[in-house]
Amino acid sequence: LQLNITGSWTGPTLHWEAGPALGRSFIHGPGLEKGQLLIHLEGIY
């Protein structure tokens, strides 16, 4: 995931994004919920 700061950053939580338009970022399996990583499969990461 890449950092997603649109507009002014108010912090402290960093918001993330992924996708082919962003270059090397990608997401396969997990999801994004309001810029945070959502785990869909239980296990060791």
ModelCIF file with pLDDT and N, C-alpha, C, O atoms, coordinates in Angstrom:
data_MODEL
#
_entry.id   MODEL 
#
_entity.id                         1 
_entity.type                       polymer 
_entity.pdbx_number_of_molecules   1 
#
_entity_poly.entity_id                      1 
_entity_poly.type                           'polypeptide(L)' 
_entity_poly.nstd_linkage                   no 
_entity_poly.nstd_monomer                   no 
_entity_poly.pdbx_seq_one_letter_code       LQLNITGSWTGPTLHWEAGPALGRSFIHGPGLEKGQLLIHLEGIY 
_entity_poly.pdbx_seq_one_letter_code_can   LQLNITGSWTGPTLHWEAGPALGRSFIHGPGLEKGQLLIHLEGIY 
_entity_poly.pdbx_strand_id                 A 
#
loop_
_entity_poly_seq.entity_id 
_entity_poly_seq.num 
_entity_poly_seq.mon_id 
_entity_poly_seq.hetero 
1 1  LEU n 
1 2  GLN n 
1 3  LEU n 
1 4  ASN n 
1 5  ILE n 
1 6  THR n 
1 7  GLY n 
1 8  SER n 
1 9  TRP n 
1 10 THR n 
1 11 GLY n 
1 12 PRO n 
1 13 THR n 
1 14 LEU n 
1 15 HIS n 
1 16 TRP n 
1 17 GLU n 
1 18 ALA n 
1 19 GLY n 
1 20 PRO n 
1 21 ALA n 
1 22 LEU n 
1 23 GLY n 
1 24 ARG n 
1 25 SER n 
1 26 PHE n 
1 27 ILE n 
1 28 HIS n 
1 29 GLY n 
1 30 PRO n 
1 31 GLY n 
1 32 LEU n 
1 33 GLU n 
1 34 LYS n 
1 35 GLY n 
1 36 GLN n 
1 37 LEU n 
1 38 LEU n 
1 39 ILE n 
1 40 HIS n 
1 41 LEU n 
1 42 GLU n 
1 43 GLY n 
1 44 ILE n 
1 45 TYR n 
#
_struct_asym.id          A 
_struct_asym.entity_id   1 
#
loop_
_ma_qa_metric.id 
_ma_qa_metric.mode 
_ma_qa_metric.name 
_ma_qa_metric.software_group_id 
_ma_qa_metric.type 
1 global pLDDT . pLDDT 
2 local  pLDDT . pLDDT 
#
_ma_qa_metric_global.metric_id      1 
_ma_qa_metric_global.metric_value   86.84 
_ma_qa_metric_global.model_id       1 
_ma_qa_metric_global.ordinal_id     1 
#
loop_
_ma_qa_metric_local.label_asym_id 
_ma_qa_metric_local.label_comp_id 
_ma_qa_metric_local.label_seq_id 
_ma_qa_metric_local.metric_id 
_ma_qa_metric_local.metric_value 
_ma_qa_metric_local.model_id 
_ma_qa_metric_local.ordinal_id 
A LEU 1  2 93.00 1 1  
A GLN 2  2 92.00 1 2  
A LEU 3  2 88.00 1 3  
A ASN 4  2 84.00 1 4  
A ILE 5  2 74.00 1 5  
A THR 6  2 70.00 1 6  
A GLY 7  2 62.00 1 7  
A SER 8  2 64.00 1 8  
A TRP 9  2 67.00 1 9  
A THR 10 2 71.00 1 10 
A GLY 11 2 70.00 1 11 
A PRO 12 2 86.00 1 12 
A THR 13 2 89.00 1 13 
A LEU 14 2 91.00 1 14 
A HIS 15 2 90.00 1 15 
A TRP 16 2 92.00 1 16 
A GLU 17 2 92.00 1 17 
A ALA 18 2 90.00 1 18 
A GLY 19 2 86.00 1 19 
A PRO 20 2 81.00 1 20 
A ALA 21 2 80.00 1 21 
A LEU 22 2 79.00 1 22 
A GLY 23 2 79.00 1 23 
A ARG 24 2 82.00 1 24 
A SER 25 2 88.00 1 25 
A PHE 26 2 91.00 1 26 
A ILE 27 2 92.00 1 27 
A HIS 28 2 93.00 1 28 
A GLY 29 2 93.00 1 29 
A PRO 30 2 95.00 1 30 
A GLY 31 2 94.00 1 31 
A LEU 32 2 94.00 1 32 
A GLU 33 2 92.00 1 33 
A LYS 34 2 89.00 1 34 
A GLY 35 2 90.00 1 35 
A GLN 36 2 93.00 1 36 
A LEU 37 2 94.00 1 37 
A LEU 38 2 95.00 1 38 
A ILE 39 2 95.00 1 39 
A HIS 40 2 94.00 1 40 
A LEU 41 2 94.00 1 41 
A GLU 42 2 94.00 1 42 
A GLY 43 2 95.00 1 43 
A ILE 44 2 95.00 1 44 
A TYR 45 2 96.00 1 45 
#
loop_
_atom_site.group_PDB 
_atom_site.id 
_atom_site.type_symbol 
_atom_site.label_atom_id 
_atom_site.label_alt_id 
_atom_site.label_comp_id 
_atom_site.label_asym_id 
_atom_site.label_entity_id 
_atom_site.label_seq_id 
_atom_site.pdbx_PDB_ins_code 
_atom_site.Cartn_x 
_atom_site.Cartn_y 
_atom_site.Cartn_z 
_atom_site.occupancy 
_atom_site.B_iso_or_equiv 
_atom_site.pdbx_formal_charge 
_atom_site.auth_seq_id 
_atom_site.auth_comp_id 
_atom_site.auth_asym_id 
_atom_site.auth_atom_id 
_atom_site.pdbx_PDB_model_num 
ATOM 1   N N  . LEU A 1 1  ? 0.822   -1.210  0.000   1.00 93.00 ? 1  LEU A N  1 
ATOM 2   C CA . LEU A 1 1  ? 0.000   0.000   0.000   1.00 93.00 ? 1  LEU A CA 1 
ATOM 3   C C  . LEU A 1 1  ? 0.852   1.254   0.000   1.00 93.00 ? 1  LEU A C  1 
ATOM 4   O O  . LEU A 1 1  ? 1.951   1.289   0.553   1.00 93.00 ? 1  LEU A O  1 
ATOM 5   N N  . GLN A 1 2  ? 0.309   2.289   -0.641  1.00 92.00 ? 2  GLN A N  1 
ATOM 6   C CA . GLN A 1 2  ? 0.942   3.601   -0.671  1.00 92.00 ? 2  GLN A CA 1 
ATOM 7   C C  . GLN A 1 2  ? 0.172   4.539   0.230   1.00 92.00 ? 2  GLN A C  1 
ATOM 8   O O  . GLN A 1 2  ? -1.013  4.345   0.499   1.00 92.00 ? 2  GLN A O  1 
ATOM 9   N N  . LEU A 1 3  ? 0.863   5.545   0.683   1.00 88.00 ? 3  LEU A N  1 
ATOM 10  C CA . LEU A 1 3  ? 0.240   6.562   1.517   1.00 88.00 ? 3  LEU A CA 1 
ATOM 11  C C  . LEU A 1 3  ? -0.729  7.393   0.684   1.00 88.00 ? 3  LEU A C  1 
ATOM 12  O O  . LEU A 1 3  ? -0.424  7.745   -0.455  1.00 88.00 ? 3  LEU A O  1 
ATOM 13  N N  . ASN A 1 4  ? -1.879  7.704   1.239   1.00 84.00 ? 4  ASN A N  1 
ATOM 14  C CA . ASN A 1 4  ? -2.899  8.496   0.556   1.00 84.00 ? 4  ASN A CA 1 
ATOM 15  C C  . ASN A 1 4  ? -3.194  9.725   1.404   1.00 84.00 ? 4  ASN A C  1 
ATOM 16  O O  . ASN A 1 4  ? -3.950  9.666   2.374   1.00 84.00 ? 4  ASN A O  1 
ATOM 17  N N  . ILE A 1 5  ? -2.588  10.824  1.022   1.00 74.00 ? 5  ILE A N  1 
ATOM 18  C CA . ILE A 1 5  ? -2.885  12.083  1.705   1.00 74.00 ? 5  ILE A CA 1 
ATOM 19  C C  . ILE A 1 5  ? -3.446  13.028  0.658   1.00 74.00 ? 5  ILE A C  1 
ATOM 20  O O  . ILE A 1 5  ? -2.729  13.511  -0.218  1.00 74.00 ? 5  ILE A O  1 
ATOM 21  N N  . THR A 1 6  ? -4.723  13.276  0.765   1.00 70.00 ? 6  THR A N  1 
ATOM 22  C CA . THR A 1 6  ? -5.361  14.238  -0.137  1.00 70.00 ? 6  THR A CA 1 
ATOM 23  C C  . THR A 1 6  ? -5.724  15.454  0.698   1.00 70.00 ? 6  THR A C  1 
ATOM 24  O O  . THR A 1 6  ? -6.369  15.343  1.741   1.00 70.00 ? 6  THR A O  1 
ATOM 25  N N  . GLY A 1 7  ? -5.303  16.604  0.226   1.00 62.00 ? 7  GLY A N  1 
ATOM 26  C CA . GLY A 1 7  ? -5.559  17.825  0.986   1.00 62.00 ? 7  GLY A CA 1 
ATOM 27  C C  . GLY A 1 7  ? -4.586  17.948  2.142   1.00 62.00 ? 7  GLY A C  1 
ATOM 28  O O  . GLY A 1 7  ? -3.445  17.496  2.050   1.00 62.00 ? 7  GLY A O  1 
ATOM 29  N N  . SER A 1 8  ? -5.026  18.544  3.208   1.00 64.00 ? 8  SER A N  1 
ATOM 30  C CA . SER A 1 8  ? -4.139  18.733  4.350   1.00 64.00 ? 8  SER A CA 1 
ATOM 31  C C  . SER A 1 8  ? -4.213  17.520  5.260   1.00 64.00 ? 8  SER A C  1 
ATOM 32  O O  . SER A 1 8  ? -5.293  16.991  5.526   1.00 64.00 ? 8  SER A O  1 
ATOM 33  N N  . TRP A 1 9  ? -3.065  17.092  5.728   1.00 67.00 ? 9  TRP A N  1 
ATOM 34  C CA . TRP A 1 9  ? -2.997  15.932  6.617   1.00 67.00 ? 9  TRP A CA 1 
ATOM 35  C C  . TRP A 1 9  ? -3.209  16.413  8.038   1.00 67.00 ? 9  TRP A C  1 
ATOM 36  O O  . TRP A 1 9  ? -2.509  17.306  8.514   1.00 67.00 ? 9  TRP A O  1 
ATOM 37  N N  . THR A 1 10 ? -4.182  15.813  8.713   1.00 71.00 ? 10 THR A N  1 
ATOM 38  C CA . THR A 1 10 ? -4.473  16.219  10.081  1.00 71.00 ? 10 THR A CA 1 
ATOM 39  C C  . THR A 1 10 ? -3.924  15.228  11.083  1.00 71.00 ? 10 THR A C  1 
ATOM 40  O O  . THR A 1 10 ? -3.879  15.517  12.278  1.00 71.00 ? 10 THR A O  1 
ATOM 41  N N  . GLY A 1 11 ? -3.497  14.038  10.604  1.00 70.00 ? 11 GLY A N  1 
ATOM 42  C CA . GLY A 1 11 ? -2.889  13.030  11.464  1.00 70.00 ? 11 GLY A CA 1 
ATOM 43  C C  . GLY A 1 11 ? -3.790  12.626  12.596  1.00 70.00 ? 11 GLY A C  1 
ATOM 44  O O  . GLY A 1 11 ? -4.892  13.165  12.693  1.00 70.00 ? 11 GLY A O  1 
ATOM 45  N N  . PRO A 1 12 ? -3.408  11.732  13.445  1.00 86.00 ? 12 PRO A N  1 
ATOM 46  C CA . PRO A 1 12 ? -2.168  10.973  13.389  1.00 86.00 ? 12 PRO A CA 1 
ATOM 47  C C  . PRO A 1 12 ? -2.271  9.707   12.533  1.00 86.00 ? 12 PRO A C  1 
ATOM 48  O O  . PRO A 1 12 ? -1.249  9.096   12.220  1.00 86.00 ? 12 PRO A O  1 
ATOM 49  N N  . THR A 1 13 ? -3.505  9.298   12.145  1.00 89.00 ? 13 THR A N  1 
ATOM 50  C CA . THR A 1 13 ? -3.671  8.048   11.409  1.00 89.00 ? 13 THR A CA 1 
ATOM 51  C C  . THR A 1 13 ? -3.299  8.224   9.949   1.00 89.00 ? 13 THR A C  1 
ATOM 52  O O  . THR A 1 13 ? -3.767  9.143   9.277   1.00 89.00 ? 13 THR A O  1 
ATOM 53  N N  . LEU A 1 14 ? -2.445  7.322   9.470   1.00 91.00 ? 14 LEU A N  1 
ATOM 54  C CA . LEU A 1 14 ? -2.055  7.331   8.062   1.00 91.00 ? 14 LEU A CA 1 
ATOM 55  C C  . LEU A 1 14 ? -3.091  6.544   7.256   1.00 91.00 ? 14 LEU A C  1 
ATOM 56  O O  . LEU A 1 14 ? -3.512  5.461   7.661   1.00 91.00 ? 14 LEU A O  1 
ATOM 57  N N  . HIS A 1 15 ? -3.488  7.090   6.130   1.00 90.00 ? 15 HIS A N  1 
ATOM 58  C CA . HIS A 1 15 ? -4.459  6.425   5.257   1.00 90.00 ? 15 HIS A CA 1 
ATOM 59  C C  . HIS A 1 15 ? -3.726  5.878   4.043   1.00 90.00 ? 15 HIS A C  1 
ATOM 60  O O  . HIS A 1 15 ? -2.835  6.524   3.492   1.00 90.00 ? 15 HIS A O  1 
ATOM 61  N N  . TRP A 1 16 ? -4.122  4.661   3.633   1.00 92.00 ? 16 TRP A N  1 
ATOM 62  C CA . TRP A 1 16 ? -3.420  3.936   2.581   1.00 92.00 ? 16 TRP A CA 1 
ATOM 63  C C  . TRP A 1 16 ? -4.329  3.703   1.387   1.00 92.00 ? 16 TRP A C  1 
ATOM 64  O O  . TRP A 1 16 ? -5.553  3.752   1.505   1.00 92.00 ? 16 TRP A O  1 
ATOM 65  N N  . GLU A 1 17 ? -3.722  3.450   0.242   1.00 92.00 ? 17 GLU A N  1 
ATOM 66  C CA . GLU A 1 17 ? -4.458  3.125   -0.972  1.00 92.00 ? 17 GLU A CA 1 
ATOM 67  C C  . GLU A 1 17 ? -3.620  2.176   -1.818  1.00 92.00 ? 17 GLU A C  1 
ATOM 68  O O  . GLU A 1 17 ? -2.414  2.031   -1.616  1.00 92.00 ? 17 GLU A O  1 
ATOM 69  N N  . ALA A 1 18 ? -4.295  1.530   -2.779  1.00 90.00 ? 18 ALA A N  1 
ATOM 70  C CA . ALA A 1 18 ? -3.597  0.601   -3.666  1.00 90.00 ? 18 ALA A CA 1 
ATOM 71  C C  . ALA A 1 18 ? -4.331  0.551   -4.991  1.00 90.00 ? 18 ALA A C  1 
ATOM 72  O O  . ALA A 1 18 ? -5.535  0.799   -5.064  1.00 90.00 ? 18 ALA A O  1 
ATOM 73  N N  . GLY A 1 19 ? -3.592  0.228   -6.028  1.00 86.00 ? 19 GLY A N  1 
ATOM 74  C CA . GLY A 1 19 ? -4.205  0.069   -7.343  1.00 86.00 ? 19 GLY A CA 1 
ATOM 75  C C  . GLY A 1 19 ? -3.194  0.209   -8.447  1.00 86.00 ? 19 GLY A C  1 
ATOM 76  O O  . GLY A 1 19 ? -2.134  0.802   -8.247  1.00 86.00 ? 19 GLY A O  1 
ATOM 77  N N  . PRO A 1 20 ? -3.507  -0.336  -9.630  1.00 81.00 ? 20 PRO A N  1 
ATOM 78  C CA . PRO A 1 20 ? -2.558  -0.297  -10.748 1.00 81.00 ? 20 PRO A CA 1 
ATOM 79  C C  . PRO A 1 20 ? -2.221  1.114   -11.202 1.00 81.00 ? 20 PRO A C  1 
ATOM 80  O O  . PRO A 1 20 ? -1.127  1.345   -11.717 1.00 81.00 ? 20 PRO A O  1 
ATOM 81  N N  . ALA A 1 21 ? -3.126  2.057   -11.025 1.00 80.00 ? 21 ALA A N  1 
ATOM 82  C CA . ALA A 1 21 ? -2.852  3.433   -11.439 1.00 80.00 ? 21 ALA A CA 1 
ATOM 83  C C  . ALA A 1 21 ? -1.806  4.092   -10.550 1.00 80.00 ? 21 ALA A C  1 
ATOM 84  O O  . ALA A 1 21 ? -1.255  5.135   -10.902 1.00 80.00 ? 21 ALA A O  1 
ATOM 85  N N  . LEU A 1 22 ? -1.532  3.488   -9.402  1.00 79.00 ? 22 LEU A N  1 
ATOM 86  C CA . LEU A 1 22 ? -0.592  4.079   -8.455  1.00 79.00 ? 22 LEU A CA 1 
ATOM 87  C C  . LEU A 1 22 ? 0.829   3.539   -8.605  1.00 79.00 ? 22 LEU A C  1 
ATOM 88  O O  . LEU A 1 22 ? 1.708   3.886   -7.817  1.00 79.00 ? 22 LEU A O  1 
ATOM 89  N N  . GLY A 1 23 ? 1.058   2.705   -9.596  1.00 79.00 ? 23 GLY A N  1 
ATOM 90  C CA . GLY A 1 23 ? 2.396   2.150   -9.787  1.00 79.00 ? 23 GLY A CA 1 
ATOM 91  C C  . GLY A 1 23 ? 2.531   0.780   -9.189  1.00 79.00 ? 23 GLY A C  1 
ATOM 92  O O  . GLY A 1 23 ? 1.821   -0.146  -9.580  1.00 79.00 ? 23 GLY A O  1 
ATOM 93  N N  . ARG A 1 24 ? 3.445   0.635   -8.232  1.00 82.00 ? 24 ARG A N  1 
ATOM 94  C CA . ARG A 1 24 ? 3.760   -0.688  -7.684  1.00 82.00 ? 24 ARG A CA 1 
ATOM 95  C C  . ARG A 1 24 ? 2.825   -1.150  -6.574  1.00 82.00 ? 24 ARG A C  1 
ATOM 96  O O  . ARG A 1 24 ? 3.016   -2.245  -6.045  1.00 82.00 ? 24 ARG A O  1 
ATOM 97  N N  . SER A 1 25 ? 1.840   -0.375  -6.207  1.00 88.00 ? 25 SER A N  1 
ATOM 98  C CA . SER A 1 25 ? 0.966   -0.804  -5.112  1.00 88.00 ? 25 SER A CA 1 
ATOM 99  C C  . SER A 1 25 ? -0.107  -1.749  -5.639  1.00 88.00 ? 25 SER A C  1 
ATOM 100 O O  . SER A 1 25 ? -0.543  -1.636  -6.784  1.00 88.00 ? 25 SER A O  1 
ATOM 101 N N  . PHE A 1 26 ? -0.524  -2.677  -4.793  1.00 91.00 ? 26 PHE A N  1 
ATOM 102 C CA . PHE A 1 26 ? -1.534  -3.666  -5.167  1.00 91.00 ? 26 PHE A CA 1 
ATOM 103 C C  . PHE A 1 26 ? -2.167  -4.223  -3.906  1.00 91.00 ? 26 PHE A C  1 
ATOM 104 O O  . PHE A 1 26 ? -1.645  -4.065  -2.802  1.00 91.00 ? 26 PHE A O  1 
ATOM 105 N N  . ILE A 1 27 ? -3.293  -4.873  -4.091  1.00 92.00 ? 27 ILE A N  1 
ATOM 106 C CA . ILE A 1 27 ? -3.962  -5.530  -2.966  1.00 92.00 ? 27 ILE A CA 1 
ATOM 107 C C  . ILE A 1 27 ? -4.699  -6.750  -3.505  1.00 92.00 ? 27 ILE A C  1 
ATOM 108 O O  . ILE A 1 27 ? -5.540  -6.636  -4.396  1.00 92.00 ? 27 ILE A O  1 
ATOM 109 N N  . HIS A 1 28 ? -4.373  -7.928  -2.951  1.00 93.00 ? 28 HIS A N  1 
ATOM 110 C CA . HIS A 1 28 ? -5.002  -9.193  -3.337  1.00 93.00 ? 28 HIS A CA 1 
ATOM 111 C C  . HIS A 1 28 ? -5.407  -9.930  -2.069  1.00 93.00 ? 28 HIS A C  1 
ATOM 112 O O  . HIS A 1 28 ? -4.549  -10.435 -1.345  1.00 93.00 ? 28 HIS A O  1 
ATOM 113 N N  . GLY A 1 29 ? -6.681  -9.994  -1.799  1.00 93.00 ? 29 GLY A N  1 
ATOM 114 C CA . GLY A 1 29 ? -7.168  -10.698 -0.613  1.00 93.00 ? 29 GLY A CA 1 
ATOM 115 C C  . GLY A 1 29 ? -7.673  -9.763  0.458   1.00 93.00 ? 29 GLY A C  1 
ATOM 116 O O  . GLY A 1 29 ? -8.878  -9.721  0.709   1.00 93.00 ? 29 GLY A O  1 
ATOM 117 N N  . PRO A 1 30 ? -6.785  -8.998  1.112   1.00 95.00 ? 30 PRO A N  1 
ATOM 118 C CA . PRO A 1 30 ? -7.287  -8.058  2.121   1.00 95.00 ? 30 PRO A CA 1 
ATOM 119 C C  . PRO A 1 30 ? -8.078  -6.938  1.442   1.00 95.00 ? 30 PRO A C  1 
ATOM 120 O O  . PRO A 1 30 ? -8.114  -6.846  0.215   1.00 95.00 ? 30 PRO A O  1 
ATOM 121 N N  . GLY A 1 31 ? -8.698  -6.108  2.240   1.00 94.00 ? 31 GLY A N  1 
ATOM 122 C CA . GLY A 1 31 ? -9.438  -4.976  1.701   1.00 94.00 ? 31 GLY A CA 1 
ATOM 123 C C  . GLY A 1 31 ? -9.003  -3.690  2.369   1.00 94.00 ? 31 GLY A C  1 
ATOM 124 O O  . GLY A 1 31 ? -8.186  -3.693  3.291   1.00 94.00 ? 31 GLY A O  1 
ATOM 125 N N  . LEU A 1 32 ? -9.557  -2.598  1.894   1.00 94.00 ? 32 LEU A N  1 
ATOM 126 C CA . LEU A 1 32 ? -9.319  -1.295  2.506   1.00 94.00 ? 32 LEU A CA 1 
ATOM 127 C C  . LEU A 1 32 ? -10.642 -0.771  3.047   1.00 94.00 ? 32 LEU A C  1 
ATOM 128 O O  . LEU A 1 32 ? -11.658 -0.786  2.353   1.00 94.00 ? 32 LEU A O  1 
ATOM 129 N N  . GLU A 1 33 ? -10.617 -0.312  4.279   1.00 92.00 ? 33 GLU A N  1 
ATOM 130 C CA . GLU A 1 33 ? -11.796 0.262   4.911   1.00 92.00 ? 33 GLU A CA 1 
ATOM 131 C C  . GLU A 1 33 ? -11.421 1.640   5.430   1.00 92.00 ? 33 GLU A C  1 
ATOM 132 O O  . GLU A 1 33 ? -10.718 1.768   6.432   1.00 92.00 ? 33 GLU A O  1 
ATOM 133 N N  . LYS A 1 34 ? -11.895 2.668   4.740   1.00 89.00 ? 34 LYS A N  1 
ATOM 134 C CA . LYS A 1 34 ? -11.574 4.061   5.090   1.00 89.00 ? 34 LYS A CA 1 
ATOM 135 C C  . LYS A 1 34 ? -10.073 4.283   5.165   1.00 89.00 ? 34 LYS A C  1 
ATOM 136 O O  . LYS A 1 34 ? -9.587  4.973   6.060   1.00 89.00 ? 34 LYS A O  1 
ATOM 137 N N  . GLY A 1 35 ? -9.334  3.697   4.222   1.00 90.00 ? 35 GLY A N  1 
ATOM 138 C CA . GLY A 1 35 ? -7.892  3.878   4.165   1.00 90.00 ? 35 GLY A CA 1 
ATOM 139 C C  . GLY A 1 35 ? -7.094  2.984   5.091   1.00 90.00 ? 35 GLY A C  1 
ATOM 140 O O  . GLY A 1 35 ? -5.873  3.113   5.176   1.00 90.00 ? 35 GLY A O  1 
ATOM 141 N N  . GLN A 1 36 ? -7.774  2.068   5.794   1.00 93.00 ? 36 GLN A N  1 
ATOM 142 C CA . GLN A 1 36 ? -7.098  1.151   6.707   1.00 93.00 ? 36 GLN A CA 1 
ATOM 143 C C  . GLN A 1 36 ? -7.207  -0.270  6.162   1.00 93.00 ? 36 GLN A C  1 
ATOM 144 O O  . GLN A 1 36 ? -8.176  -0.599  5.477   1.00 93.00 ? 36 GLN A O  1 
ATOM 145 N N  . LEU A 1 37 ? -6.241  -1.097  6.457   1.00 94.00 ? 37 LEU A N  1 
ATOM 146 C CA . LEU A 1 37 ? -6.186  -2.457  5.928   1.00 94.00 ? 37 LEU A CA 1 
ATOM 147 C C  . LEU A 1 37 ? -7.138  -3.376  6.685   1.00 94.00 ? 37 LEU A C  1 
ATOM 148 O O  . LEU A 1 37 ? -7.075  -3.470  7.911   1.00 94.00 ? 37 LEU A O  1 
ATOM 149 N N  . LEU A 1 38 ? -8.019  -4.055  5.952   1.00 95.00 ? 38 LEU A N  1 
ATOM 150 C CA . LEU A 1 38 ? -9.003  -4.969  6.526   1.00 95.00 ? 38 LEU A CA 1 
ATOM 151 C C  . LEU A 1 38 ? -8.613  -6.400  6.162   1.00 95.00 ? 38 LEU A C  1 
ATOM 152 O O  . LEU A 1 38 ? -8.454  -6.726  4.986   1.00 95.00 ? 38 LEU A O  1 
ATOM 153 N N  . ILE A 1 39 ? -8.460  -7.247  7.172   1.00 95.00 ? 39 ILE A N  1 
ATOM 154 C CA . ILE A 1 39 ? -8.048  -8.640  6.978   1.00 95.00 ? 39 ILE A CA 1 
ATOM 155 C C  . ILE A 1 39 ? -9.279  -9.511  6.728   1.00 95.00 ? 39 ILE A C  1 
ATOM 156 O O  . ILE A 1 39 ? -10.245 -9.472  7.491   1.00 95.00 ? 39 ILE A O  1 
ATOM 157 N N  . HIS A 1 40 ? -9.232  -10.302 5.640   1.00 94.00 ? 40 HIS A N  1 
ATOM 158 C CA . HIS A 1 40 ? -10.346 -11.194 5.296   1.00 94.00 ? 40 HIS A CA 1 
ATOM 159 C C  . HIS A 1 40 ? -10.057 -12.656 5.613   1.00 94.00 ? 40 HIS A C  1 
ATOM 160 O O  . HIS A 1 40 ? -10.987 -13.461 5.656   1.00 94.00 ? 40 HIS A O  1 
ATOM 161 N N  . LEU A 1 41 ? -8.804  -13.020 5.837   1.00 94.00 ? 41 LEU A N  1 
ATOM 162 C CA . LEU A 1 41 ? -8.434  -14.414 6.062   1.00 94.00 ? 41 LEU A CA 1 
ATOM 163 C C  . LEU A 1 41 ? -7.592  -14.518 7.327   1.00 94.00 ? 41 LEU A C  1 
ATOM 164 O O  . LEU A 1 41 ? -6.547  -13.878 7.444   1.00 94.00 ? 41 LEU A O  1 
ATOM 165 N N  . GLU A 1 42 ? -8.057  -15.330 8.272   1.00 94.00 ? 42 GLU A N  1 
ATOM 166 C CA . GLU A 1 42 ? -7.307  -15.516 9.516   1.00 94.00 ? 42 GLU A CA 1 
ATOM 167 C C  . GLU A 1 42 ? -6.011  -16.262 9.235   1.00 94.00 ? 42 GLU A C  1 
ATOM 168 O O  . GLU A 1 42 ? -5.973  -17.153 8.387   1.00 94.00 ? 42 GLU A O  1 
ATOM 169 N N  . GLY A 1 43 ? -4.955  -15.899 9.946   1.00 95.00 ? 43 GLY A N  1 
ATOM 170 C CA . GLY A 1 43 ? -3.689  -16.592 9.803   1.00 95.00 ? 43 GLY A CA 1 
ATOM 171 C C  . GLY A 1 43 ? -2.531  -15.755 10.306  1.00 95.00 ? 43 GLY A C  1 
ATOM 172 O O  . GLY A 1 43 ? -2.714  -14.709 10.929  1.00 95.00 ? 43 GLY A O  1 
ATOM 173 N N  . ILE A 1 44 ? -1.347  -16.239 10.022  1.00 95.00 ? 44 ILE A N  1 
ATOM 174 C CA . ILE A 1 44 ? -0.126  -15.521 10.403  1.00 95.00 ? 44 ILE A CA 1 
ATOM 175 C C  . ILE A 1 44 ? 0.301   -14.664 9.210   1.00 95.00 ? 44 ILE A C  1 
ATOM 176 O O  . ILE A 1 44 ? 0.394   -15.146 8.081   1.00 95.00 ? 44 ILE A O  1 
ATOM 177 N N  . TYR A 1 45 ? 0.553   -13.409 9.482   1.00 96.00 ? 45 TYR A N  1 
ATOM 178 C CA . TYR A 1 45 ? 0.933   -12.443 8.451   1.00 96.00 ? 45 TYR A CA 1 
ATOM 179 C C  . TYR A 1 45 ? 2.291   -11.855 8.759   1.00 96.00 ? 45 TYR A C  1 
ATOM 180 O O  . TYR A 1 45 ? 2.787   -11.018 8.005   1.00 96.00 ? 45 TYR A O  1 
#
